[in-house]
Amino acid sequence: MNKIVLLLLVFFLSFTTLTLTQDVSNETKVSELILEGDNFAEVTFENQKALSKYLEAAALSHKNYEIYWRISRCYVDIGEHYPANTDAEKAKQEQTYKTAYAYADSAVKINPTGSMGYARRAIANGRIALFKGIWENIGLVKQTKADLDKAIELDNKNATAYYVLGRTNTKVSEKSKIIRWPLGLGWANLDDAVKNYEKAISLRPDFIMYRLDAARAYVELKQFAKAKEHLNIIPTLKTQDEDDDKFRKEAKELLDTIVSK
């Protein structure tokens, strides 16, 4: 082996080793940023800080499914807490939900077999539909339902998907089935809503929001014993969501209205 070939071989091996080392270091940094973002999103409820961590991770790892659906979650959580009193504020909130949709849609395209991507896309779509009015945007409602069904098909332990499907059934069934049927929304009903809520609760029994919405649906069905069962458990549950104090208050108020029923 002549000297030039030997030098080229040494250079190639050195470059390969350096590249592999950098790749490992990059993956480690991305994992750390995701964990930090998760702590801000799920423990301290600092959504802007969580978003910053996820965006930093996305800059290091392009087209990363796990990062993209988390970014979508952050934008929804941020958008939910924006004021929406003026046209400018409403426009900002709507754009935030659209950004959440874009990231979730990218997550689905990156990993078409990932359940959470579909669930997060459904949530963003649902928020946009609620913002614009679901009866003026029936297509968005149908897309939301389709994504939730797909999320559950891919992972029958996706509590988020079951819960949001329960919410979707609840919201759509507010109008008479006679009106909804010609629009292709005749599937929605409160019985299916509570089934989906109960499935979500079975998978995540410590989440206050699931039990509160289940209780509300049971009240509508006049199944007060079932509603009370969930409402009485809520005060014993620890905080898992930034709005849990508000949910506890709402649960107590609802329980007070049905205490004698």
C-alpha atoms as a PDB file:
ATOM      1  CA  MET A   1       0.000   0.000   0.000  1.00  0.00           C
ATOM      2  CA  ASN A   2       1.588   3.289  -1.058  1.00  0.00           C
ATOM      3  CA  LYS A   3       1.803   6.319   1.181  1.00  0.00           C
ATOM      4  CA  ILE A   4      -1.012   8.288  -0.535  1.00  0.00           C
ATOM      5  CA  VAL A   5      -3.496   5.429  -0.222  1.00  0.00           C
ATOM      6  CA  LEU A   6      -2.536   4.959   3.409  1.00  0.00           C
ATOM      7  CA  LEU A   7      -3.062   8.645   4.149  1.00  0.00           C
ATOM      8  CA  LEU A   8      -6.454   8.589   2.434  1.00  0.00           C
ATOM      9  CA  LEU A   9      -7.470   5.539   4.444  1.00  0.00           C
ATOM     10  CA  VAL A  10      -6.397   7.165   7.715  1.00  0.00           C
ATOM     11  CA  PHE A  11      -8.327  10.330   6.768  1.00  0.00           C
ATOM     12  CA  PHE A  12     -11.455   8.338   5.894  1.00  0.00           C
ATOM     13  CA  LEU A  13     -11.381   6.373   9.148  1.00  0.00           C
ATOM     14  CA  SER A  14     -10.797   9.536  11.179  1.00  0.00           C
ATOM     15  CA  PHE A  15     -13.646  11.359   9.400  1.00  0.00           C
ATOM     16  CA  THR A  16     -16.013   8.407   9.882  1.00  0.00           C
ATOM     17  CA  THR A  17     -15.165   8.160  13.577  1.00  0.00           C
ATOM     18  CA  LEU A  18     -15.694  11.901  14.035  1.00  0.00           C
ATOM     19  CA  THR A  19     -19.040  11.768  12.201  1.00  0.00           C
ATOM     20  CA  LEU A  20     -20.272   8.839  14.287  1.00  0.00           C
ATOM     21  CA  THR A  21     -19.213  10.590  17.485  1.00  0.00           C
ATOM     22  CA  GLN A  22     -21.028  13.746  16.436  1.00  0.00           C
ATOM     23  CA  ASP A  23     -24.151  11.751  15.543  1.00  0.00           C
ATOM     24  CA  VAL A  24     -24.200  10.068  18.963  1.00  0.00           C
ATOM     25  CA  SER A  25     -23.641  13.404  20.686  1.00  0.00           C
ATOM     26  CA  ASN A  26     -26.433  14.961  18.603  1.00  0.00           C
ATOM     27  CA  GLU A  27     -28.883  12.158  19.455  1.00  0.00           C
ATOM     28  CA  THR A  28     -28.040  12.492  23.140  1.00  0.00           C
ATOM     29  CA  LYS A  29     -28.661  16.245  23.032  1.00  0.00           C
ATOM     30  CA  VAL A  30     -31.991  15.759  21.235  1.00  0.00           C
ATOM     31  CA  SER A  31     -33.127  13.209  23.836  1.00  0.00           C
ATOM     32  CA  GLU A  32     -32.158  15.584  26.648  1.00  0.00           C
ATOM     33  CA  LEU A  33     -34.077  18.453  25.050  1.00  0.00           C
ATOM     34  CA  ILE A  34     -37.190  16.303  24.638  1.00  0.00           C
ATOM     35  CA  LEU A  35     -37.024  15.259  28.295  1.00  0.00           C
ATOM     36  CA  GLU A  36     -36.621  18.887  29.374  1.00  0.00           C
ATOM     37  CA  GLY A  37     -39.523  19.893  27.156  1.00  0.00           C
ATOM     38  CA  ASP A  38     -41.679  17.112  28.592  1.00  0.00           C
ATOM     39  CA  ASN A  39     -40.952  18.326  32.111  1.00  0.00           C
ATOM     40  CA  PHE A  40     -42.001  21.871  31.227  1.00  0.00           C
ATOM     41  CA  ALA A  41     -45.106  20.632  29.355  1.00  0.00           C
ATOM     42  CA  GLU A  42     -46.312  17.951  31.761  1.00  0.00           C
ATOM     43  CA  VAL A  43     -44.938  18.841  35.203  1.00  0.00           C
ATOM     44  CA  THR A  44     -44.441  22.585  35.579  1.00  0.00           C
ATOM     45  CA  PHE A  45     -46.898  23.569  32.794  1.00  0.00           C
ATOM     46  CA  GLU A  46     -44.592  26.160  31.269  1.00  0.00           C
ATOM     47  CA  ASN A  47     -45.697  25.767  27.687  1.00  0.00           C
ATOM     48  CA  GLN A  48     -43.516  28.454  26.126  1.00  0.00           C
ATOM     49  CA  LYS A  49     -40.402  26.948  27.715  1.00  0.00           C
ATOM     50  CA  ALA A  50     -41.475  23.497  26.545  1.00  0.00           C
ATOM     51  CA  LEU A  51     -41.954  24.813  23.021  1.00  0.00           C
ATOM     52  CA  SER A  52     -38.479  26.387  23.046  1.00  0.00           C
ATOM     53  CA  LYS A  53     -36.914  23.053  24.016  1.00  0.00           C
ATOM     54  CA  TYR A  54     -38.823  21.133  21.355  1.00  0.00           C
ATOM     55  CA  LEU A  55     -37.967  23.673  18.657  1.00  0.00           C
ATOM     56  CA  GLU A  56     -34.314  23.490  19.657  1.00  0.00           C
ATOM     57  CA  ALA A  57     -34.497  19.708  19.376  1.00  0.00           C
ATOM     58  CA  ALA A  58     -36.208  19.986  15.974  1.00  0.00           C
ATOM     59  CA  ALA A  59     -33.355  22.172  14.719  1.00  0.00           C
ATOM     60  CA  LEU A  60     -30.925  19.347  15.550  1.00  0.00           C
ATOM     61  CA  SER A  61     -33.128  16.499  14.343  1.00  0.00           C
ATOM     62  CA  HIS A  62     -35.152  17.373  11.259  1.00  0.00           C
ATOM     63  CA  LYS A  63     -38.408  15.538  10.524  1.00  0.00           C
ATOM     64  CA  ASN A  64     -38.499  13.879  13.932  1.00  0.00           C
ATOM     65  CA  TYR A  65     -41.945  12.395  14.611  1.00  0.00           C
ATOM     66  CA  GLU A  66     -41.648  12.472  18.418  1.00  0.00           C
ATOM     67  CA  ILE A  67     -40.655  16.125  18.383  1.00  0.00           C
ATOM     68  CA  TYR A  68     -43.258  17.262  15.862  1.00  0.00           C
ATOM     69  CA  TRP A  69     -46.318  15.926  17.668  1.00  0.00           C
ATOM     70  CA  ARG A  70     -45.031  17.428  20.897  1.00  0.00           C
ATOM     71  CA  ILE A  71     -44.623  20.817  19.212  1.00  0.00           C
ATOM     72  CA  SER A  72     -48.225  20.507  18.016  1.00  0.00           C
ATOM     73  CA  ARG A  73     -49.345  19.778  21.583  1.00  0.00           C
ATOM     74  CA  CYS A  74     -47.533  22.888  22.818  1.00  0.00           C
ATOM     75  CA  TYR A  75     -49.162  25.177  20.278  1.00  0.00           C
ATOM     76  CA  VAL A  76     -52.615  23.890  21.218  1.00  0.00           C
ATOM     77  CA  ASP A  77     -51.913  24.342  24.929  1.00  0.00           C
ATOM     78  CA  ILE A  78     -50.602  27.851  24.302  1.00  0.00           C
ATOM     79  CA  GLY A  79     -53.522  28.745  22.036  1.00  0.00           C
ATOM     80  CA  GLU A  80     -56.101  27.553  24.563  1.00  0.00           C
ATOM     81  CA  HIS A  81     -54.899  30.157  27.043  1.00  0.00           C
ATOM     82  CA  TYR A  82     -54.697  33.130  24.701  1.00  0.00           C
ATOM     83  CA  PRO A  83     -57.279  35.860  25.256  1.00  0.00           C
ATOM     84  CA  ALA A  84     -59.765  36.013  22.375  1.00  0.00           C
ATOM     85  CA  ASN A  85     -61.654  39.253  22.938  1.00  0.00           C
ATOM     86  CA  THR A  86     -60.502  41.349  19.983  1.00  0.00           C
ATOM     87  CA  ASP A  87     -60.207  40.481  16.293  1.00  0.00           C
ATOM     88  CA  ALA A  88     -56.424  40.624  16.575  1.00  0.00           C
ATOM     89  CA  GLU A  89     -56.428  38.228  19.539  1.00  0.00           C
ATOM     90  CA  LYS A  90     -58.782  35.858  17.753  1.00  0.00           C
ATOM     91  CA  ALA A  91     -56.601  35.911  14.656  1.00  0.00           C
ATOM     92  CA  LYS A  92     -53.555  35.100  16.767  1.00  0.00           C
ATOM     93  CA  GLN A  93     -55.337  32.199  18.454  1.00  0.00           C
ATOM     94  CA  GLU A  94     -56.555  30.781  15.145  1.00  0.00           C
ATOM     95  CA  GLN A  95     -53.066  30.999  13.657  1.00  0.00           C
ATOM     96  CA  THR A  96     -51.664  29.161  16.690  1.00  0.00           C
ATOM     97  CA  TYR A  97     -54.098  26.295  16.130  1.00  0.00           C
ATOM     98  CA  LYS A  98     -53.206  26.221  12.441  1.00  0.00           C
ATOM     99  CA  THR A  99     -49.523  25.982  13.349  1.00  0.00           C
ATOM    100  CA  ALA A 100     -50.381  23.115  15.708  1.00  0.00           C
ATOM    101  CA  TYR A 101     -52.175  21.396  12.837  1.00  0.00           C
ATOM    102  CA  ALA A 102     -49.216  21.866  10.488  1.00  0.00           C
ATOM    103  CA  TYR A 103     -46.794  20.201  12.898  1.00  0.00           C
ATOM    104  CA  ALA A 104     -49.183  17.324  13.620  1.00  0.00           C
ATOM    105  CA  ASP A 105     -49.790  16.863   9.906  1.00  0.00           C
ATOM    106  CA  SER A 106     -46.027  16.693   9.366  1.00  0.00           C
ATOM    107  CA  ALA A 107     -45.758  14.126  12.166  1.00  0.00           C
ATOM    108  CA  VAL A 108     -48.350  11.947  10.419  1.00  0.00           C
ATOM    109  CA  LYS A 109     -46.501  12.214   7.105  1.00  0.00           C
ATOM    110  CA  ILE A 110     -43.185  11.348   8.758  1.00  0.00           C
ATOM    111  CA  ASN A 111     -44.651   8.345  10.571  1.00  0.00           C
ATOM    112  CA  PRO A 112     -48.002   7.181   9.132  1.00  0.00           C
ATOM    113  CA  THR A 113     -48.140   4.363  11.706  1.00  0.00           C
ATOM    114  CA  GLY A 114     -47.757   6.637  14.728  1.00  0.00           C
ATOM    115  CA  SER A 115     -50.973   6.901  16.732  1.00  0.00           C
ATOM    116  CA  MET A 116     -50.183  10.136  18.541  1.00  0.00           C
ATOM    117  CA  GLY A 117     -49.628  12.058  15.316  1.00  0.00           C
ATOM    118  CA  TYR A 118     -53.217  11.369  14.271  1.00  0.00           C
ATOM    119  CA  ALA A 119     -54.514  12.185  17.755  1.00  0.00           C
ATOM    120  CA  ARG A 120     -52.693  15.517  17.829  1.00  0.00           C
ATOM    121  CA  ARG A 121     -53.849  16.367  14.298  1.00  0.00           C
ATOM    122  CA  ALA A 122     -57.420  15.618  15.348  1.00  0.00           C
ATOM    123  CA  ILE A 123     -57.074  17.876  18.381  1.00  0.00           C
ATOM    124  CA  ALA A 124     -55.689  20.775  16.332  1.00  0.00           C
ATOM    125  CA  ASN A 125     -58.390  20.245  13.695  1.00  0.00           C
ATOM    126  CA  GLY A 126     -61.044  20.133  16.384  1.00  0.00           C
ATOM    127  CA  ARG A 127     -59.810  23.384  17.866  1.00  0.00           C
ATOM    128  CA  ILE A 128     -59.952  25.066  14.478  1.00  0.00           C
ATOM    129  CA  ALA A 129     -63.479  23.705  13.925  1.00  0.00           C
ATOM    130  CA  LEU A 130     -64.645  24.963  17.321  1.00  0.00           C
ATOM    131  CA  PHE A 131     -63.010  28.324  16.661  1.00  0.00           C
ATOM    132  CA  LYS A 132     -64.715  28.733  13.292  1.00  0.00           C
ATOM    133  CA  GLY A 133     -67.940  26.965  14.252  1.00  0.00           C
ATOM    134  CA  ILE A 134     -68.374  23.242  13.687  1.00  0.00           C
ATOM    135  CA  TRP A 135     -71.631  23.601  11.747  1.00  0.00           C
ATOM    136  CA  GLU A 136     -69.944  25.915   9.275  1.00  0.00           C
ATOM    137  CA  ASN A 137     -66.966  23.548   8.952  1.00  0.00           C
ATOM    138  CA  ILE A 138     -68.411  20.049   8.849  1.00  0.00           C
ATOM    139  CA  GLY A 139     -65.453  18.787   6.816  1.00  0.00           C
ATOM    140  CA  LEU A 140     -63.116  19.540   9.713  1.00  0.00           C
ATOM    141  CA  VAL A 141     -65.357  17.566  12.074  1.00  0.00           C
ATOM    142  CA  LYS A 142     -65.309  14.562   9.756  1.00  0.00           C
ATOM    143  CA  GLN A 143     -61.512  14.784   9.447  1.00  0.00           C
ATOM    144  CA  THR A 144     -61.243  14.938  13.222  1.00  0.00           C
ATOM    145  CA  LYS A 145     -63.347  11.802  13.626  1.00  0.00           C
ATOM    146  CA  ALA A 146     -61.365   9.961  10.937  1.00  0.00           C
ATOM    147  CA  ASP A 147     -58.053  10.813  12.601  1.00  0.00           C
ATOM    148  CA  LEU A 148     -59.276   9.695  16.014  1.00  0.00           C
ATOM    149  CA  ASP A 149     -60.516   6.395  14.613  1.00  0.00           C
ATOM    150  CA  LYS A 150     -57.115   5.900  12.960  1.00  0.00           C
ATOM    151  CA  ALA A 151     -55.250   6.772  16.158  1.00  0.00           C
ATOM    152  CA  ILE A 152     -57.248   4.156  18.079  1.00  0.00           C
ATOM    153  CA  GLU A 153     -56.818   1.588  15.319  1.00  0.00           C
ATOM    154  CA  LEU A 154     -53.049   2.037  15.575  1.00  0.00           C
ATOM    155  CA  ASP A 155     -52.966   2.050  19.378  1.00  0.00           C
ATOM    156  CA  ASN A 156     -55.946   0.883  21.412  1.00  0.00           C
ATOM    157  CA  LYS A 157     -54.292   2.261  24.549  1.00  0.00           C
ATOM    158  CA  ASN A 158     -54.191   5.867  23.358  1.00  0.00           C
ATOM    159  CA  ALA A 159     -56.165   7.512  26.163  1.00  0.00           C
ATOM    160  CA  THR A 160     -55.947  10.921  24.524  1.00  0.00           C
ATOM    161  CA  ALA A 161     -57.649   9.669  21.364  1.00  0.00           C
ATOM    162  CA  TYR A 162     -60.488   7.989  23.282  1.00  0.00           C
ATOM    163  CA  TYR A 163     -61.077  11.114  25.354  1.00  0.00           C
ATOM    164  CA  VAL A 164     -61.154  13.453  22.352  1.00  0.00           C
ATOM    165  CA  LEU A 165     -63.478  11.054  20.532  1.00  0.00           C
ATOM    166  CA  GLY A 166     -65.760  11.299  23.567  1.00  0.00           C
ATOM    167  CA  ARG A 167     -65.599  15.088  23.394  1.00  0.00           C
ATOM    168  CA  THR A 168     -66.344  14.989  19.670  1.00  0.00           C
ATOM    169  CA  ASN A 169     -69.406  12.806  20.183  1.00  0.00           C
ATOM    170  CA  THR A 170     -70.588  15.117  22.954  1.00  0.00           C
ATOM    171  CA  LYS A 171     -70.192  18.306  20.948  1.00  0.00           C
ATOM    172  CA  VAL A 172     -71.675  17.024  17.692  1.00  0.00           C
ATOM    173  CA  SER A 173     -74.650  15.402  19.428  1.00  0.00           C
ATOM    174  CA  GLU A 174     -75.751  18.782  20.767  1.00  0.00           C
ATOM    175  CA  LYS A 175     -77.845  19.119  17.600  1.00  0.00           C
ATOM    176  CA  SER A 176     -80.726  16.795  16.807  1.00  0.00           C
ATOM    177  CA  LYS A 177     -79.836  13.640  14.894  1.00  0.00           C
ATOM    178  CA  ILE A 178     -82.503  14.526  12.332  1.00  0.00           C
ATOM    179  CA  ILE A 179     -80.484  17.623  11.452  1.00  0.00           C
ATOM    180  CA  ARG A 180     -77.110  15.876  11.580  1.00  0.00           C
ATOM    181  CA  TRP A 181     -77.944  12.741   9.626  1.00  0.00           C
ATOM    182  CA  PRO A 182     -78.067  14.336   6.127  1.00  0.00           C
ATOM    183  CA  LEU A 183     -74.722  16.008   6.912  1.00  0.00           C
ATOM    184  CA  GLY A 184     -72.992  12.699   7.595  1.00  0.00           C
ATOM    185  CA  LEU A 185     -72.780  13.310  11.329  1.00  0.00           C
ATOM    186  CA  GLY A 186     -75.464  10.903  12.494  1.00  0.00           C
ATOM    187  CA  TRP A 187     -72.847   8.778  14.291  1.00  0.00           C
ATOM    188  CA  ALA A 188     -72.513  11.141  17.258  1.00  0.00           C
ATOM    189  CA  ASN A 189     -74.337  10.248  20.488  1.00  0.00           C
ATOM    190  CA  LEU A 190     -73.868  10.548  24.247  1.00  0.00           C
ATOM    191  CA  ASP A 191     -73.858   6.800  24.841  1.00  0.00           C
ATOM    192  CA  ASP A 192     -70.746   6.453  22.689  1.00  0.00           C
ATOM    193  CA  ALA A 193     -69.319   9.564  24.322  1.00  0.00           C
ATOM    194  CA  VAL A 194     -69.425   8.010  27.793  1.00  0.00           C
ATOM    195  CA  LYS A 195     -68.028   4.729  26.462  1.00  0.00           C
ATOM    196  CA  ASN A 196     -65.033   6.611  25.084  1.00  0.00           C
ATOM    197  CA  TYR A 197     -64.645   8.658  28.265  1.00  0.00           C
ATOM    198  CA  GLU A 198     -64.715   5.489  30.350  1.00  0.00           C
ATOM    199  CA  LYS A 199     -62.102   3.865  28.122  1.00  0.00           C
ATOM    200  CA  ALA A 200     -59.862   6.915  28.495  1.00  0.00           C
ATOM    201  CA  ILE A 201     -60.380   6.836  32.275  1.00  0.00           C
ATOM    202  CA  SER A 202     -59.536   3.135  32.432  1.00  0.00           C
ATOM    203  CA  LEU A 203     -56.230   3.923  30.724  1.00  0.00           C
ATOM    204  CA  ARG A 204     -55.524   7.068  32.736  1.00  0.00           C
ATOM    205  CA  PRO A 205     -57.650   7.031  35.907  1.00  0.00           C
ATOM    206  CA  ASP A 206     -55.817   9.948  37.540  1.00  0.00           C
ATOM    207  CA  PHE A 207     -56.692  12.567  34.912  1.00  0.00           C
ATOM    208  CA  ILE A 208     -59.295  14.997  36.244  1.00  0.00           C
ATOM    209  CA  MET A 209     -60.479  16.358  32.896  1.00  0.00           C
ATOM    210  CA  TYR A 210     -61.517  12.891  31.704  1.00  0.00           C
ATOM    211  CA  ARG A 211     -63.694  12.288  34.762  1.00  0.00           C
ATOM    212  CA  LEU A 212     -65.231  15.754  34.685  1.00  0.00           C
ATOM    213  CA  ASP A 213     -66.368  15.468  31.076  1.00  0.00           C
ATOM    214  CA  ALA A 214     -67.616  11.928  31.702  1.00  0.00           C
ATOM    215  CA  ALA A 215     -69.666  13.240  34.630  1.00  0.00           C
ATOM    216  CA  ARG A 216     -71.139  15.991  32.476  1.00  0.00           C
ATOM    217  CA  ALA A 217     -72.214  13.450  29.877  1.00  0.00           C
ATOM    218  CA  TYR A 218     -73.762  11.222  32.544  1.00  0.00           C
ATOM    219  CA  VAL A 219     -75.727  14.196  33.867  1.00  0.00           C
ATOM    220  CA  GLU A 220     -77.093  14.800  30.357  1.00  0.00           C
ATOM    221  CA  LEU A 221     -78.108  11.138  30.286  1.00  0.00           C
ATOM    222  CA  LYS A 222     -79.648  11.538  33.762  1.00  0.00           C
ATOM    223  CA  GLN A 223     -77.365   8.831  35.113  1.00  0.00           C
ATOM    224  CA  PHE A 224     -76.621  10.798  38.258  1.00  0.00           C
ATOM    225  CA  ALA A 225     -75.080   7.973  40.273  1.00  0.00           C
ATOM    226  CA  LYS A 226     -72.400   7.477  37.634  1.00  0.00           C
ATOM    227  CA  ALA A 227     -71.786  11.217  37.472  1.00  0.00           C
ATOM    228  CA  LYS A 228     -71.391  11.441  41.256  1.00  0.00           C
ATOM    229  CA  GLU A 229     -68.987   8.512  41.238  1.00  0.00           C
ATOM    230  CA  HIS A 230     -66.547  10.438  39.044  1.00  0.00           C
ATOM    231  CA  LEU A 231     -67.130  13.809  40.697  1.00  0.00           C
ATOM    232  CA  ASN A 232     -66.433  12.391  44.166  1.00  0.00           C
ATOM    233  CA  ILE A 233     -63.116  10.951  43.007  1.00  0.00           C
ATOM    234  CA  ILE A 234     -61.845  14.188  41.477  1.00  0.00           C
ATOM    235  CA  PRO A 235     -60.866  15.911  44.789  1.00  0.00           C
ATOM    236  CA  THR A 236     -58.580  12.965  45.602  1.00  0.00           C
ATOM    237  CA  LEU A 237     -56.559  13.264  42.384  1.00  0.00           C
ATOM    238  CA  LYS A 238     -53.281  15.130  42.122  1.00  0.00           C
ATOM    239  CA  THR A 239     -52.641  17.842  39.555  1.00  0.00           C
ATOM    240  CA  GLN A 240     -51.841  16.530  36.081  1.00  0.00           C
ATOM    241  CA  ASP A 241     -52.931  19.510  33.978  1.00  0.00           C
ATOM    242  CA  GLU A 242     -52.417  23.250  34.282  1.00  0.00           C
ATOM    243  CA  ASP A 243     -56.194  23.782  34.455  1.00  0.00           C
ATOM    244  CA  ASP A 244     -56.867  21.183  37.159  1.00  0.00           C
ATOM    245  CA  ASP A 245     -57.708  23.770  39.828  1.00  0.00           C
ATOM    246  CA  LYS A 246     -60.392  25.164  37.534  1.00  0.00           C
ATOM    247  CA  PHE A 247     -61.632  21.647  36.785  1.00  0.00           C
ATOM    248  CA  ARG A 248     -61.859  20.827  40.500  1.00  0.00           C
ATOM    249  CA  LYS A 249     -63.973  23.943  41.040  1.00  0.00           C
ATOM    250  CA  GLU A 250     -66.245  23.050  38.127  1.00  0.00           C
ATOM    251  CA  ALA A 251     -66.581  19.477  39.417  1.00  0.00           C
ATOM    252  CA  LYS A 252     -67.663  20.718  42.849  1.00  0.00           C
ATOM    253  CA  GLU A 253     -70.203  23.086  41.302  1.00  0.00           C
ATOM    254  CA  LEU A 254     -71.626  20.294  39.162  1.00  0.00           C
ATOM    255  CA  LEU A 255     -71.796  17.927  42.132  1.00  0.00           C
ATOM    256  CA  ASP A 256     -73.669  20.557  44.147  1.00  0.00           C
ATOM    257  CA  THR A 257     -76.329  20.762  41.445  1.00  0.00           C
ATOM    258  CA  ILE A 258     -77.022  17.025  41.434  1.00  0.00           C
ATOM    259  CA  VAL A 259     -76.365  16.128  45.087  1.00  0.00           C
ATOM    260  CA  SER A 260     -80.053  15.392  45.744  1.00  0.00           C
ATOM    261  CA  LYS A 261     -80.681  13.523  42.488  1.00  0.00           C
END
